[in-house]
Amino acid sequence: MTAMHNFLRQRSVQLYLLGLVLILIGAWSMEATGSFVPMALAASAALMLSAPLVRQRFARLKAASRR
């Protein structure tokens, strides 16, 4: 398997990408309904879904600095 395939199989990356898709859906529904509520909900969901990736990257950085 390639490095990109391994990277995309990580659960935290999949959650991050799901958050990006939710932002696109929120933007579409905001345009369709004329309300900012769908975009606000999608953005907050994306923020929560990106937290595991940020934690994972921070933990790797912290472990690398200990070496």
N, C-alpha and C. Protein backbone atom coordinates (compact mmCIF):
# COMPACT_ATOMS: atom_id res chain seq x y z
N MET A 1 0.83 -1.19 0.00
CA MET A 1 0.00 0.00 0.00
C MET A 1 0.88 1.25 0.00
N THR A 2 0.37 2.25 -0.61
CA THR A 2 1.14 3.48 -0.68
C THR A 2 1.00 4.27 0.62
N ALA A 3 1.87 5.22 0.78
CA ALA A 3 1.84 6.05 1.99
C ALA A 3 0.55 6.86 2.08
N MET A 4 0.07 7.36 0.94
CA MET A 4 -1.17 8.13 0.94
C MET A 4 -2.35 7.25 1.33
N HIS A 5 -2.37 6.02 0.84
CA HIS A 5 -3.46 5.11 1.19
C HIS A 5 -3.45 4.82 2.69
N ASN A 6 -2.27 4.60 3.24
CA ASN A 6 -2.17 4.37 4.69
C ASN A 6 -2.60 5.59 5.47
N PHE A 7 -2.24 6.76 4.97
CA PHE A 7 -2.62 8.00 5.64
C PHE A 7 -4.14 8.18 5.64
N LEU A 8 -4.78 7.88 4.52
CA LEU A 8 -6.22 8.06 4.40
C LEU A 8 -7.01 7.00 5.17
N ARG A 9 -6.38 5.92 5.54
CA ARG A 9 -7.07 4.87 6.30
C ARG A 9 -7.11 5.17 7.79
N GLN A 10 -6.37 6.16 8.25
CA GLN A 10 -6.37 6.51 9.67
C GLN A 10 -7.72 7.10 10.05
N ARG A 11 -8.23 6.69 11.19
CA ARG A 11 -9.56 7.13 11.63
C ARG A 11 -9.61 8.65 11.81
N SER A 12 -8.57 9.24 12.35
CA SER A 12 -8.59 10.69 12.58
C SER A 12 -8.63 11.46 11.26
N VAL A 13 -7.96 10.97 10.24
CA VAL A 13 -7.97 11.63 8.93
C VAL A 13 -9.35 11.48 8.29
N GLN A 14 -9.96 10.31 8.44
CA GLN A 14 -11.29 10.11 7.89
C GLN A 14 -12.30 11.04 8.54
N LEU A 15 -12.18 11.24 9.85
CA LEU A 15 -13.08 12.16 10.54
C LEU A 15 -12.86 13.60 10.07
N TYR A 16 -11.61 13.97 9.86
CA TYR A 16 -11.30 15.31 9.36
C TYR A 16 -11.91 15.53 7.98
N LEU A 17 -11.76 14.55 7.10
CA LEU A 17 -12.33 14.66 5.76
C LEU A 17 -13.85 14.70 5.80
N LEU A 18 -14.45 13.96 6.73
CA LEU A 18 -15.90 14.03 6.91
C LEU A 18 -16.32 15.44 7.31
N GLY A 19 -15.53 16.08 8.15
CA GLY A 19 -15.80 17.46 8.54
C GLY A 19 -15.76 18.41 7.36
N LEU A 20 -14.80 18.19 6.46
CA LEU A 20 -14.73 19.03 5.25
C LEU A 20 -15.94 18.83 4.36
N VAL A 21 -16.39 17.59 4.24
CA VAL A 21 -17.59 17.30 3.45
C VAL A 21 -18.81 17.97 4.09
N LEU A 22 -18.88 17.94 5.40
CA LEU A 22 -20.00 18.60 6.08
C LEU A 22 -20.00 20.11 5.84
N ILE A 23 -18.83 20.71 5.76
CA ILE A 23 -18.75 22.14 5.45
C ILE A 23 -19.30 22.41 4.06
N LEU A 24 -18.96 21.56 3.09
CA LEU A 24 -19.48 21.74 1.74
C LEU A 24 -21.00 21.56 1.70
N ILE A 25 -21.51 20.58 2.42
CA ILE A 25 -22.96 20.38 2.48
C ILE A 25 -23.63 21.56 3.18
N GLY A 26 -23.01 22.05 4.24
CA GLY A 26 -23.55 23.21 4.94
C GLY A 26 -23.57 24.45 4.07
N ALA A 27 -22.53 24.63 3.27
CA ALA A 27 -22.49 25.78 2.37
C ALA A 27 -23.57 25.67 1.30
N TRP A 28 -23.77 24.46 0.78
CA TRP A 28 -24.81 24.27 -0.22
C TRP A 28 -26.19 24.53 0.37
N SER A 29 -26.44 23.99 1.56
CA SER A 29 -27.76 24.18 2.16
C SER A 29 -27.95 25.62 2.63
N MET A 30 -26.88 26.30 2.97
CA MET A 30 -27.00 27.72 3.31
C MET A 30 -27.44 28.51 2.09
N GLU A 31 -26.86 28.17 0.94
CA GLU A 31 -27.22 28.86 -0.29
C GLU A 31 -28.66 28.52 -0.70
N ALA A 32 -29.05 27.26 -0.48
CA ALA A 32 -30.39 26.82 -0.88
C ALA A 32 -31.48 27.39 0.02
N THR A 33 -31.19 27.52 1.31
CA THR A 33 -32.23 27.97 2.24
C THR A 33 -32.13 29.46 2.56
N GLY A 34 -30.98 30.06 2.37
CA GLY A 34 -30.80 31.46 2.70
C GLY A 34 -30.57 31.70 4.19
N SER A 35 -30.32 30.62 4.93
CA SER A 35 -30.11 30.71 6.37
C SER A 35 -28.66 30.36 6.69
N PHE A 36 -28.12 30.99 7.72
CA PHE A 36 -26.75 30.70 8.14
C PHE A 36 -26.68 29.51 9.10
N VAL A 37 -27.82 29.02 9.55
CA VAL A 37 -27.84 27.94 10.52
C VAL A 37 -27.17 26.66 10.00
N PRO A 38 -27.47 26.20 8.77
CA PRO A 38 -26.79 24.98 8.30
C PRO A 38 -25.27 25.11 8.25
N MET A 39 -24.78 26.25 7.84
CA MET A 39 -23.33 26.44 7.77
C MET A 39 -22.73 26.48 9.17
N ALA A 40 -23.43 27.10 10.10
CA ALA A 40 -22.93 27.15 11.48
C ALA A 40 -22.87 25.74 12.08
N LEU A 41 -23.90 24.95 11.84
CA LEU A 41 -23.90 23.58 12.34
C LEU A 41 -22.80 22.75 11.70
N ALA A 42 -22.62 22.90 10.40
CA ALA A 42 -21.58 22.15 9.70
C ALA A 42 -20.19 22.57 10.17
N ALA A 43 -19.99 23.85 10.37
CA ALA A 43 -18.67 24.32 10.81
C ALA A 43 -18.35 23.84 12.21
N SER A 44 -19.34 23.84 13.10
CA SER A 44 -19.07 23.36 14.45
C SER A 44 -18.83 21.85 14.46
N ALA A 45 -19.55 21.11 13.62
CA ALA A 45 -19.30 19.67 13.52
C ALA A 45 -17.90 19.41 12.96
N ALA A 46 -17.49 20.18 11.97
CA ALA A 46 -16.15 20.01 11.39
C ALA A 46 -15.07 20.31 12.42
N LEU A 47 -15.31 21.31 13.23
CA LEU A 47 -14.34 21.64 14.28
C LEU A 47 -14.21 20.49 15.27
N MET A 48 -15.32 19.90 15.67
CA MET A 48 -15.28 18.78 16.60
C MET A 48 -14.64 17.55 15.96
N LEU A 49 -14.88 17.34 14.67
CA LEU A 49 -14.32 16.17 13.99
C LEU A 49 -12.83 16.32 13.71
N SER A 50 -12.32 17.55 13.70
CA SER A 50 -10.89 17.74 13.46
C SER A 50 -10.06 17.60 14.74
N ALA A 51 -10.70 17.58 15.89
CA ALA A 51 -9.98 17.50 17.16
C ALA A 51 -9.11 16.24 17.28
N PRO A 52 -9.59 15.04 16.89
CA PRO A 52 -8.71 13.87 17.01
C PRO A 52 -7.45 13.97 16.16
N LEU A 53 -7.55 14.56 14.99
CA LEU A 53 -6.37 14.72 14.14
C LEU A 53 -5.37 15.68 14.77
N VAL A 54 -5.87 16.77 15.32
CA VAL A 54 -4.99 17.75 15.98
C VAL A 54 -4.31 17.10 17.18
N ARG A 55 -5.07 16.34 17.97
CA ARG A 55 -4.47 15.66 19.13
C ARG A 55 -3.41 14.66 18.71
N GLN A 56 -3.69 13.91 17.64
CA GLN A 56 -2.73 12.92 17.16
C GLN A 56 -1.45 13.59 16.67
N ARG A 57 -1.57 14.65 15.91
CA ARG A 57 -0.39 15.36 15.40
C ARG A 57 0.40 15.99 16.55
N PHE A 58 -0.29 16.53 17.54
CA PHE A 58 0.38 17.13 18.68
C PHE A 58 1.14 16.07 19.48
N ALA A 59 0.52 14.89 19.64
CA ALA A 59 1.18 13.81 20.38
C ALA A 59 2.43 13.33 19.64
N ARG A 60 2.37 13.25 18.32
CA ARG A 60 3.56 12.85 17.55
C ARG A 60 4.66 13.88 17.66
N LEU A 61 4.30 15.15 17.62
CA LEU A 61 5.28 16.21 17.75
C LEU A 61 5.92 16.18 19.14
N LYS A 62 5.10 15.95 20.14
CA LYS A 62 5.60 15.88 21.51
C LYS A 62 6.53 14.69 21.70
N ALA A 63 6.18 13.54 21.10
CA ALA A 63 7.04 12.36 21.20
C ALA A 63 8.35 12.56 20.46
N ALA A 64 8.30 13.25 19.34
CA ALA A 64 9.52 13.50 18.56
C ALA A 64 10.46 14.45 19.31
N SER A 65 9.90 15.38 20.05
CA SER A 65 10.75 16.33 20.77
C SER A 65 11.42 15.68 21.99
N ARG A 66 10.86 14.59 22.48
CA ARG A 66 11.46 13.88 23.61
C ARG A 66 12.69 13.10 23.18
N ARG A 67 12.77 12.74 21.93
CA ARG A 67 13.88 11.89 21.46
C ARG A 67 15.16 12.66 21.39
